[in-house]
């Protein structure tokens, strides 16, 4: 397992990844505009990953609209084409990115693997409007508890709004 928590309190690292719709997503184009939740998930069409992605959609139905207080971004380790059909099937309105080689997950965001190296890491990052990583949820039981990732983001959104 990496050490993603080293990023807390620091400027979010920029990255660029292909989106499921074929466009390129660049984090720096969104920093400073709104708070951002980035969640890394191993694969689509699995019970925990599907629950996590759909829970974010349900919790933040206005995500993707211009005045949304939060941008949710999902990052998976599978191909953009397989992610697009899954995204359409699940009716997900926020960007889903492909990190097939896990360069962004393992390098940029310092993730690794969980459960003795048997599972690819699942993690969620909250980035505030200033572009600073404020919190990270990764490791342990969070790997199999999809709802914890949404609750984690909800708590950070409330904190950020209270500070504004």
N, C-alpha and C. Protein backbone atom coordinates (compact mmCIF):
# COMPACT_ATOMS: atom_id res chain seq x y z
N UNK A 1 0.83 -1.18 0.00
CA UNK A 1 0.00 0.00 0.00
C UNK A 1 0.88 1.24 0.00
N UNK A 2 0.47 2.25 -0.74
CA UNK A 2 1.21 3.50 -0.82
C UNK A 2 0.95 4.35 0.41
N UNK A 3 1.29 5.62 0.30
CA UNK A 3 1.06 6.53 1.42
C UNK A 3 0.35 7.77 0.91
N UNK A 4 -0.90 7.62 0.52
CA UNK A 4 -1.71 8.70 -0.04
C UNK A 4 -1.90 9.84 0.95
N UNK A 5 -1.88 9.54 2.24
CA UNK A 5 -2.12 10.58 3.24
C UNK A 5 -1.02 11.64 3.26
N UNK A 6 0.12 11.35 2.64
CA UNK A 6 1.19 12.36 2.51
C UNK A 6 0.72 13.57 1.72
N UNK A 7 -0.32 13.43 0.93
CA UNK A 7 -0.82 14.52 0.09
C UNK A 7 -1.69 15.51 0.86
N UNK A 8 -2.19 15.12 2.01
CA UNK A 8 -3.09 15.99 2.78
C UNK A 8 -2.36 17.27 3.17
N UNK A 9 -3.03 18.40 2.90
CA UNK A 9 -2.47 19.71 3.21
C UNK A 9 -1.62 20.28 2.09
N UNK A 10 -1.45 19.52 1.03
CA UNK A 10 -0.64 19.97 -0.11
C UNK A 10 -1.53 20.25 -1.32
N UNK A 11 -0.99 21.02 -2.24
CA UNK A 11 -1.69 21.28 -3.49
C UNK A 11 -1.93 19.95 -4.21
N UNK A 12 -3.13 19.77 -4.73
CA UNK A 12 -3.45 18.52 -5.44
C UNK A 12 -2.53 18.37 -6.65
N UNK A 13 -1.98 17.20 -6.84
CA UNK A 13 -1.11 16.98 -8.00
C UNK A 13 -1.94 16.96 -9.29
N UNK A 14 -1.43 17.60 -10.31
CA UNK A 14 -2.14 17.62 -11.58
C UNK A 14 -1.97 16.29 -12.28
N UNK A 15 -2.96 15.94 -13.08
CA UNK A 15 -2.86 14.74 -13.90
C UNK A 15 -3.80 14.90 -15.09
N UNK A 16 -3.59 14.07 -16.07
CA UNK A 16 -4.43 14.03 -17.26
C UNK A 16 -4.69 12.56 -17.57
N UNK A 17 -5.97 12.22 -17.76
CA UNK A 17 -6.37 10.84 -18.07
C UNK A 17 -7.50 10.84 -19.09
N UNK A 18 -7.60 9.76 -19.88
CA UNK A 18 -8.72 9.67 -20.81
C UNK A 18 -10.02 9.40 -20.06
N UNK A 19 -11.05 10.09 -20.50
CA UNK A 19 -12.38 9.89 -19.93
C UNK A 19 -13.10 8.80 -20.71
N UNK A 20 -14.11 8.25 -20.11
CA UNK A 20 -14.87 7.18 -20.76
C UNK A 20 -15.50 7.65 -22.06
N UNK A 21 -15.75 8.96 -22.20
CA UNK A 21 -16.37 9.48 -23.42
C UNK A 21 -15.36 9.81 -24.52
N UNK A 22 -14.09 9.52 -24.26
CA UNK A 22 -13.06 9.74 -25.28
C UNK A 22 -12.33 11.06 -25.17
N UNK A 23 -12.78 11.95 -24.29
CA UNK A 23 -12.09 13.22 -24.10
C UNK A 23 -10.97 13.05 -23.07
N UNK A 24 -10.11 14.04 -23.01
CA UNK A 24 -9.02 14.03 -22.02
C UNK A 24 -9.45 14.89 -20.84
N UNK A 25 -9.32 14.37 -19.63
CA UNK A 25 -9.64 15.12 -18.42
C UNK A 25 -8.34 15.57 -17.79
N UNK A 26 -8.23 16.88 -17.52
CA UNK A 26 -7.04 17.44 -16.88
C UNK A 26 -7.49 18.10 -15.58
N UNK A 27 -6.99 17.63 -14.46
CA UNK A 27 -7.42 18.13 -13.15
C UNK A 27 -7.23 19.64 -13.03
N UNK A 28 -6.11 20.16 -13.50
CA UNK A 28 -5.82 21.59 -13.34
C UNK A 28 -6.88 22.49 -13.97
N UNK A 29 -7.62 21.99 -14.93
CA UNK A 29 -8.69 22.78 -15.56
C UNK A 29 -9.89 22.97 -14.63
N UNK A 30 -9.94 22.22 -13.54
CA UNK A 30 -11.08 22.27 -12.62
C UNK A 30 -10.72 22.84 -11.25
N UNK A 31 -9.42 22.89 -10.94
CA UNK A 31 -9.00 23.39 -9.64
C UNK A 31 -9.32 24.88 -9.52
N UNK A 32 -9.75 25.28 -8.32
CA UNK A 32 -10.07 26.68 -8.07
C UNK A 32 -11.49 27.06 -8.44
N UNK A 33 -12.24 26.16 -9.05
CA UNK A 33 -13.61 26.46 -9.45
C UNK A 33 -14.64 25.90 -8.48
N UNK A 34 -14.37 24.74 -7.94
CA UNK A 34 -15.28 24.06 -7.03
C UNK A 34 -14.49 23.02 -6.23
N UNK A 35 -15.10 22.49 -5.21
CA UNK A 35 -14.48 21.37 -4.50
C UNK A 35 -14.57 20.13 -5.39
N UNK A 36 -13.63 19.21 -5.19
CA UNK A 36 -13.56 18.03 -6.05
C UNK A 36 -13.43 16.77 -5.19
N UNK A 37 -14.22 15.76 -5.53
CA UNK A 37 -14.09 14.43 -4.93
C UNK A 37 -13.56 13.52 -6.02
N UNK A 38 -12.41 12.92 -5.78
CA UNK A 38 -11.85 11.95 -6.72
C UNK A 38 -11.85 10.60 -6.02
N UNK A 39 -12.52 9.63 -6.62
CA UNK A 39 -12.47 8.30 -6.03
C UNK A 39 -11.90 7.31 -7.03
N UNK A 40 -10.99 6.49 -6.53
CA UNK A 40 -10.33 5.45 -7.32
C UNK A 40 -11.01 4.13 -6.99
N UNK A 41 -11.41 3.40 -8.04
CA UNK A 41 -12.06 2.11 -7.82
C UNK A 41 -11.49 1.10 -8.80
N UNK A 42 -11.35 -0.15 -8.35
CA UNK A 42 -10.66 -1.16 -9.16
C UNK A 42 -11.32 -1.50 -10.50
N UNK A 43 -12.63 -1.72 -10.52
CA UNK A 43 -13.28 -2.16 -11.76
C UNK A 43 -14.78 -1.93 -11.70
N UNK A 44 -15.38 -1.79 -12.85
CA UNK A 44 -16.83 -1.67 -12.91
C UNK A 44 -17.46 -3.06 -12.93
N UNK A 45 -18.78 -3.07 -12.77
CA UNK A 45 -19.54 -4.33 -12.77
C UNK A 45 -19.12 -5.29 -11.66
N UNK A 46 -18.75 -4.72 -10.53
CA UNK A 46 -18.52 -5.50 -9.32
C UNK A 46 -19.41 -4.89 -8.24
N UNK A 47 -19.87 -5.66 -7.28
CA UNK A 47 -20.83 -5.13 -6.31
C UNK A 47 -20.38 -3.88 -5.56
N UNK A 48 -19.17 -3.86 -5.03
CA UNK A 48 -18.73 -2.71 -4.24
C UNK A 48 -18.48 -1.50 -5.14
N UNK A 49 -17.84 -1.70 -6.28
CA UNK A 49 -17.55 -0.59 -7.18
C UNK A 49 -18.84 0.03 -7.72
N UNK A 50 -19.78 -0.81 -8.11
CA UNK A 50 -21.06 -0.30 -8.60
C UNK A 50 -21.79 0.47 -7.51
N UNK A 51 -21.79 -0.07 -6.31
CA UNK A 51 -22.46 0.60 -5.19
C UNK A 51 -21.83 1.95 -4.91
N UNK A 52 -20.52 2.01 -4.95
CA UNK A 52 -19.82 3.27 -4.69
C UNK A 52 -20.17 4.31 -5.74
N UNK A 53 -20.04 3.95 -7.01
CA UNK A 53 -20.31 4.89 -8.10
C UNK A 53 -21.76 5.37 -8.08
N UNK A 54 -22.68 4.46 -7.88
CA UNK A 54 -24.10 4.82 -7.85
C UNK A 54 -24.45 5.63 -6.60
N UNK A 55 -23.76 5.38 -5.50
CA UNK A 55 -24.00 6.15 -4.27
C UNK A 55 -23.58 7.60 -4.45
N UNK A 56 -22.48 7.84 -5.16
CA UNK A 56 -22.08 9.22 -5.44
C UNK A 56 -23.11 9.89 -6.34
N UNK A 57 -23.60 9.18 -7.33
CA UNK A 57 -24.62 9.74 -8.23
C UNK A 57 -25.88 10.10 -7.46
N UNK A 58 -26.29 9.23 -6.58
CA UNK A 58 -27.51 9.46 -5.78
C UNK A 58 -27.31 10.62 -4.80
N UNK A 59 -26.15 10.69 -4.17
CA UNK A 59 -25.88 11.73 -3.17
C UNK A 59 -25.72 13.10 -3.79
N UNK A 60 -25.22 13.14 -5.03
CA UNK A 60 -24.95 14.42 -5.69
C UNK A 60 -25.56 14.42 -7.09
N UNK A 61 -26.90 14.48 -7.17
CA UNK A 61 -27.56 14.42 -8.48
C UNK A 61 -27.26 15.63 -9.37
N UNK A 62 -26.85 16.75 -8.79
CA UNK A 62 -26.55 17.94 -9.58
C UNK A 62 -25.11 17.99 -10.06
N UNK A 63 -24.35 16.96 -9.76
CA UNK A 63 -22.96 16.92 -10.16
C UNK A 63 -22.89 17.03 -11.69
N UNK A 64 -21.97 17.80 -12.16
CA UNK A 64 -21.83 18.00 -13.60
C UNK A 64 -22.52 19.26 -14.09
N UNK A 65 -23.41 19.82 -13.29
CA UNK A 65 -24.04 21.09 -13.67
C UNK A 65 -23.08 22.22 -13.34
N UNK A 66 -23.22 23.32 -14.06
CA UNK A 66 -22.29 24.44 -13.96
C UNK A 66 -22.16 24.97 -12.53
N UNK A 67 -23.26 25.08 -11.81
CA UNK A 67 -23.23 25.67 -10.47
C UNK A 67 -23.13 24.63 -9.35
N UNK A 68 -22.78 23.42 -9.67
CA UNK A 68 -22.67 22.38 -8.67
C UNK A 68 -21.57 22.71 -7.66
N UNK A 69 -21.82 22.51 -6.35
CA UNK A 69 -20.81 22.80 -5.34
C UNK A 69 -19.69 21.76 -5.27
N UNK A 70 -19.84 20.69 -6.04
CA UNK A 70 -18.86 19.60 -5.98
C UNK A 70 -18.74 18.94 -7.35
N UNK A 71 -17.51 18.69 -7.75
CA UNK A 71 -17.24 17.89 -8.94
C UNK A 71 -16.80 16.51 -8.46
N UNK A 72 -17.53 15.48 -8.86
CA UNK A 72 -17.16 14.11 -8.54
C UNK A 72 -16.48 13.52 -9.76
N UNK A 73 -15.36 12.84 -9.53
CA UNK A 73 -14.61 12.20 -10.61
C UNK A 73 -14.27 10.79 -10.16
N UNK A 74 -14.66 9.80 -10.96
CA UNK A 74 -14.31 8.41 -10.68
C UNK A 74 -13.13 8.01 -11.55
N UNK A 75 -12.21 7.25 -10.99
CA UNK A 75 -11.04 6.76 -11.74
C UNK A 75 -10.96 5.26 -11.55
N UNK A 76 -11.02 4.53 -12.68
CA UNK A 76 -10.94 3.08 -12.63
C UNK A 76 -9.71 2.60 -13.38
N UNK A 77 -9.40 1.34 -13.19
CA UNK A 77 -8.20 0.76 -13.80
C UNK A 77 -8.53 -0.03 -15.05
N UNK A 78 -9.69 0.23 -15.64
CA UNK A 78 -10.10 -0.49 -16.83
C UNK A 78 -10.17 0.47 -18.02
N UNK A 79 -10.42 -0.06 -19.21
CA UNK A 79 -10.36 0.71 -20.45
C UNK A 79 -11.50 1.73 -20.56
N UNK A 80 -11.24 2.85 -21.27
CA UNK A 80 -12.29 3.86 -21.44
C UNK A 80 -13.55 3.31 -22.11
N UNK A 81 -13.40 2.43 -23.11
CA UNK A 81 -14.58 1.94 -23.82
C UNK A 81 -15.47 1.08 -22.92
N UNK A 82 -14.88 0.24 -22.09
CA UNK A 82 -15.70 -0.57 -21.19
C UNK A 82 -16.34 0.30 -20.11
N UNK A 83 -15.65 1.36 -19.71
CA UNK A 83 -16.21 2.26 -18.70
C UNK A 83 -17.40 3.05 -19.26
N UNK A 84 -17.35 3.43 -20.53
CA UNK A 84 -18.44 4.21 -21.11
C UNK A 84 -19.75 3.42 -21.14
N UNK A 85 -19.70 2.19 -21.57
CA UNK A 85 -20.94 1.40 -21.61
C UNK A 85 -21.48 1.17 -20.20
N UNK A 86 -20.59 0.95 -19.25
CA UNK A 86 -21.00 0.78 -17.85
C UNK A 86 -21.61 2.07 -17.31
N UNK A 87 -20.97 3.20 -17.61
CA UNK A 87 -21.45 4.51 -17.16
C UNK A 87 -22.86 4.78 -17.68
N UNK A 88 -23.09 4.47 -18.94
CA UNK A 88 -24.42 4.66 -19.53
C UNK A 88 -25.44 3.73 -18.88
N UNK A 89 -25.05 2.49 -18.66
CA UNK A 89 -25.95 1.51 -18.04
C UNK A 89 -26.35 1.94 -16.62
N UNK A 90 -25.40 2.49 -15.87
CA UNK A 90 -25.65 2.91 -14.49
C UNK A 90 -26.19 4.34 -14.38
N UNK A 91 -26.28 5.05 -15.52
CA UNK A 91 -26.79 6.43 -15.56
C UNK A 91 -25.97 7.37 -14.68
N UNK A 92 -24.67 7.30 -14.85
CA UNK A 92 -23.75 8.15 -14.09
C UNK A 92 -23.47 9.42 -14.89
N UNK A 93 -23.62 10.57 -14.23
CA UNK A 93 -23.49 11.85 -14.93
C UNK A 93 -22.16 12.57 -14.71
N UNK A 94 -21.30 12.03 -13.90
CA UNK A 94 -20.01 12.68 -13.66
C UNK A 94 -18.92 11.95 -14.44
N UNK A 95 -17.74 12.58 -14.58
CA UNK A 95 -16.66 11.96 -15.36
C UNK A 95 -16.14 10.66 -14.74
N UNK A 96 -15.95 9.67 -15.59
CA UNK A 96 -15.30 8.42 -15.20
C UNK A 96 -14.05 8.31 -16.06
N UNK A 97 -12.90 8.21 -15.41
CA UNK A 97 -11.62 8.21 -16.10
C UNK A 97 -10.98 6.83 -16.07
N UNK A 98 -10.11 6.61 -17.04
CA UNK A 98 -9.40 5.33 -17.13
C UNK A 98 -7.93 5.52 -16.80
N UNK A 99 -7.45 4.75 -15.84
CA UNK A 99 -6.04 4.74 -15.45
C UNK A 99 -5.54 3.29 -15.56
N UNK A 100 -5.58 2.77 -16.80
CA UNK A 100 -5.26 1.36 -17.04
C UNK A 100 -3.90 0.95 -16.49
N UNK A 101 -2.90 1.77 -16.65
CA UNK A 101 -1.56 1.43 -16.16
C UNK A 101 -1.34 1.81 -14.71
N UNK A 102 -2.32 2.42 -14.08
CA UNK A 102 -2.30 2.87 -12.69
C UNK A 102 -1.16 3.84 -12.38
N UNK A 103 -0.72 4.59 -13.39
CA UNK A 103 0.35 5.57 -13.16
C UNK A 103 -0.13 6.72 -12.28
N UNK A 104 -1.35 7.16 -12.49
CA UNK A 104 -1.88 8.24 -11.66
C UNK A 104 -2.19 7.72 -10.26
N UNK A 105 -2.85 6.57 -10.18
CA UNK A 105 -3.20 6.00 -8.87
C UNK A 105 -1.96 5.72 -8.03
N UNK A 106 -1.04 4.96 -8.59
CA UNK A 106 0.13 4.53 -7.81
C UNK A 106 1.23 5.57 -7.73
N UNK A 107 1.41 6.33 -8.79
CA UNK A 107 2.48 7.33 -8.81
C UNK A 107 2.03 8.66 -8.25
N UNK A 108 1.10 9.31 -8.93
CA UNK A 108 0.66 10.65 -8.57
C UNK A 108 -0.05 10.69 -7.22
N UNK A 109 -0.97 9.75 -6.99
CA UNK A 109 -1.76 9.77 -5.75
C UNK A 109 -1.28 8.78 -4.70
N UNK A 110 -0.17 8.11 -4.96
CA UNK A 110 0.53 7.27 -3.98
C UNK A 110 -0.32 6.13 -3.42
N UNK A 111 -1.15 5.57 -4.27
CA UNK A 111 -1.93 4.41 -3.84
C UNK A 111 -1.11 3.15 -4.08
N UNK A 112 -1.64 2.05 -3.72
CA UNK A 112 -0.95 0.77 -3.91
C UNK A 112 -1.98 -0.32 -3.98
N UNK A 113 -1.80 -1.35 -3.20
CA UNK A 113 -2.78 -2.43 -3.16
C UNK A 113 -3.13 -2.71 -1.71
N UNK A 114 -4.26 -3.33 -1.53
CA UNK A 114 -4.78 -3.64 -0.19
C UNK A 114 -4.81 -5.13 0.04
N UNK A 115 -5.08 -5.50 1.26
CA UNK A 115 -5.24 -6.91 1.63
C UNK A 115 -4.08 -7.75 1.12
N UNK A 116 -2.90 -7.43 1.63
CA UNK A 116 -1.69 -8.19 1.34
C UNK A 116 -1.34 -8.22 -0.14
N UNK A 117 -1.67 -7.13 -0.83
CA UNK A 117 -1.33 -7.02 -2.24
C UNK A 117 -2.27 -7.74 -3.18
N UNK A 118 -3.37 -8.28 -2.65
CA UNK A 118 -4.29 -9.05 -3.48
C UNK A 118 -5.30 -8.18 -4.23
N UNK A 119 -5.61 -6.99 -3.70
CA UNK A 119 -6.61 -6.13 -4.31
C UNK A 119 -6.03 -4.78 -4.65
N UNK A 120 -6.47 -4.22 -5.78
CA UNK A 120 -6.07 -2.86 -6.14
C UNK A 120 -6.76 -1.92 -5.17
N UNK A 121 -6.08 -0.84 -4.82
CA UNK A 121 -6.58 0.06 -3.79
C UNK A 121 -7.81 0.84 -4.23
N UNK A 122 -8.69 1.07 -3.27
CA UNK A 122 -9.85 1.94 -3.42
C UNK A 122 -9.59 3.12 -2.48
N UNK A 123 -9.70 4.32 -3.00
CA UNK A 123 -9.44 5.48 -2.17
C UNK A 123 -10.26 6.66 -2.67
N UNK A 124 -10.53 7.60 -1.77
CA UNK A 124 -11.28 8.80 -2.10
C UNK A 124 -10.54 10.00 -1.53
N UNK A 125 -10.41 11.03 -2.37
CA UNK A 125 -9.72 12.26 -2.00
C UNK A 125 -10.70 13.42 -2.05
N UNK A 126 -10.62 14.32 -1.07
CA UNK A 126 -11.39 15.56 -1.11
C UNK A 126 -10.41 16.70 -1.33
N UNK A 127 -10.66 17.47 -2.39
CA UNK A 127 -9.83 18.63 -2.75
C UNK A 127 -10.70 19.87 -2.62
N UNK A 128 -10.25 20.85 -1.86
CA UNK A 128 -11.07 22.05 -1.64
C UNK A 128 -10.99 23.00 -2.84
N UNK A 129 -11.74 24.11 -2.76
CA UNK A 129 -11.80 25.07 -3.86
C UNK A 129 -10.46 25.72 -4.17
N UNK A 130 -9.56 25.69 -3.21
CA UNK A 130 -8.22 26.27 -3.43
C UNK A 130 -7.28 25.26 -4.07
N UNK A 131 -7.75 24.04 -4.26
CA UNK A 131 -6.92 23.01 -4.89
C UNK A 131 -6.06 22.23 -3.92
N UNK A 132 -6.37 22.32 -2.62
CA UNK A 132 -5.59 21.63 -1.60
C UNK A 132 -6.29 20.31 -1.22
N UNK A 133 -5.51 19.24 -1.14
CA UNK A 133 -6.05 17.96 -0.68
C UNK A 133 -6.31 18.09 0.81
N UNK A 134 -7.57 17.98 1.19
CA UNK A 134 -7.93 18.15 2.59
C UNK A 134 -8.07 16.83 3.32
N UNK A 135 -8.45 15.77 2.59
CA UNK A 135 -8.65 14.49 3.25
C UNK A 135 -8.54 13.33 2.28
N UNK A 136 -8.18 12.16 2.85
CA UNK A 136 -8.05 10.93 2.08
C UNK A 136 -8.67 9.79 2.88
N UNK A 137 -9.46 8.98 2.20
CA UNK A 137 -10.00 7.77 2.82
C UNK A 137 -9.47 6.60 2.00
N UNK A 138 -8.67 5.77 2.62
CA UNK A 138 -8.13 4.60 1.91
C UNK A 138 -7.76 3.52 2.92
N UNK A 139 -7.59 2.32 2.41
CA UNK A 139 -7.13 1.20 3.23
C UNK A 139 -8.17 0.63 4.16
N UNK A 140 -7.81 -0.47 4.76
CA UNK A 140 -8.64 -1.13 5.76
C UNK A 140 -10.01 -1.52 5.23
N UNK A 141 -11.00 -1.44 6.10
CA UNK A 141 -12.36 -1.82 5.71
C UNK A 141 -12.98 -0.88 4.71
N UNK A 142 -12.41 0.31 4.54
CA UNK A 142 -12.93 1.25 3.54
C UNK A 142 -12.91 0.62 2.15
N UNK A 143 -12.05 -0.39 1.98
CA UNK A 143 -11.95 -1.04 0.68
C UNK A 143 -13.24 -1.76 0.29
N UNK A 144 -13.98 -2.21 1.24
CA UNK A 144 -15.20 -2.96 0.93
C UNK A 144 -16.47 -2.28 1.41
N UNK A 145 -16.38 -1.04 1.88
CA UNK A 145 -17.53 -0.31 2.38
C UNK A 145 -17.76 0.94 1.53
N UNK A 146 -18.47 0.75 0.43
CA UNK A 146 -18.69 1.82 -0.54
C UNK A 146 -19.32 3.06 0.08
N UNK A 147 -20.28 2.85 0.96
CA UNK A 147 -21.00 3.99 1.54
C UNK A 147 -20.10 4.89 2.39
N UNK A 148 -19.01 4.34 2.92
CA UNK A 148 -18.08 5.15 3.72
C UNK A 148 -17.43 6.25 2.87
N UNK A 149 -17.22 5.98 1.61
CA UNK A 149 -16.58 6.96 0.73
C UNK A 149 -17.50 8.16 0.48
N UNK A 150 -18.77 7.90 0.29
CA UNK A 150 -19.73 8.98 0.10
C UNK A 150 -19.90 9.78 1.39
N UNK A 151 -20.00 9.10 2.53
CA UNK A 151 -20.12 9.79 3.82
C UNK A 151 -18.90 10.65 4.09
N UNK A 152 -17.73 10.13 3.76
CA UNK A 152 -16.48 10.87 3.92
C UNK A 152 -16.54 12.18 3.14
N UNK A 153 -17.00 12.14 1.89
CA UNK A 153 -17.09 13.35 1.07
C UNK A 153 -18.16 14.29 1.60
N UNK A 154 -19.29 13.76 2.00
CA UNK A 154 -20.35 14.62 2.56
C UNK A 154 -19.84 15.39 3.77
N UNK A 155 -19.09 14.72 4.64
CA UNK A 155 -18.53 15.39 5.81
C UNK A 155 -17.58 16.50 5.41
N UNK A 156 -16.73 16.26 4.41
CA UNK A 156 -15.78 17.27 3.97
C UNK A 156 -16.47 18.43 3.28
N UNK A 157 -17.54 18.16 2.53
CA UNK A 157 -18.28 19.25 1.88
C UNK A 157 -18.87 20.16 2.95
N UNK A 158 -19.45 19.58 4.01
CA UNK A 158 -20.00 20.38 5.11
C UNK A 158 -18.92 21.22 5.77
N UNK A 159 -17.75 20.61 6.04
CA UNK A 159 -16.66 21.36 6.65
C UNK A 159 -16.22 22.52 5.77
N UNK A 160 -16.08 22.26 4.49
CA UNK A 160 -15.63 23.29 3.55
C UNK A 160 -16.65 24.43 3.45
N UNK A 161 -17.93 24.09 3.44
CA UNK A 161 -18.97 25.12 3.38
C UNK A 161 -18.99 25.96 4.65
N UNK A 162 -18.76 25.34 5.79
CA UNK A 162 -18.75 26.06 7.06
C UNK A 162 -17.57 27.02 7.15
N UNK A 163 -16.48 26.67 6.49
CA UNK A 163 -15.27 27.51 6.51
C UNK A 163 -15.35 28.65 5.52
N UNK A 164 -16.23 28.55 4.55
CA UNK A 164 -16.31 29.57 3.47
C UNK A 164 -16.94 30.86 3.95
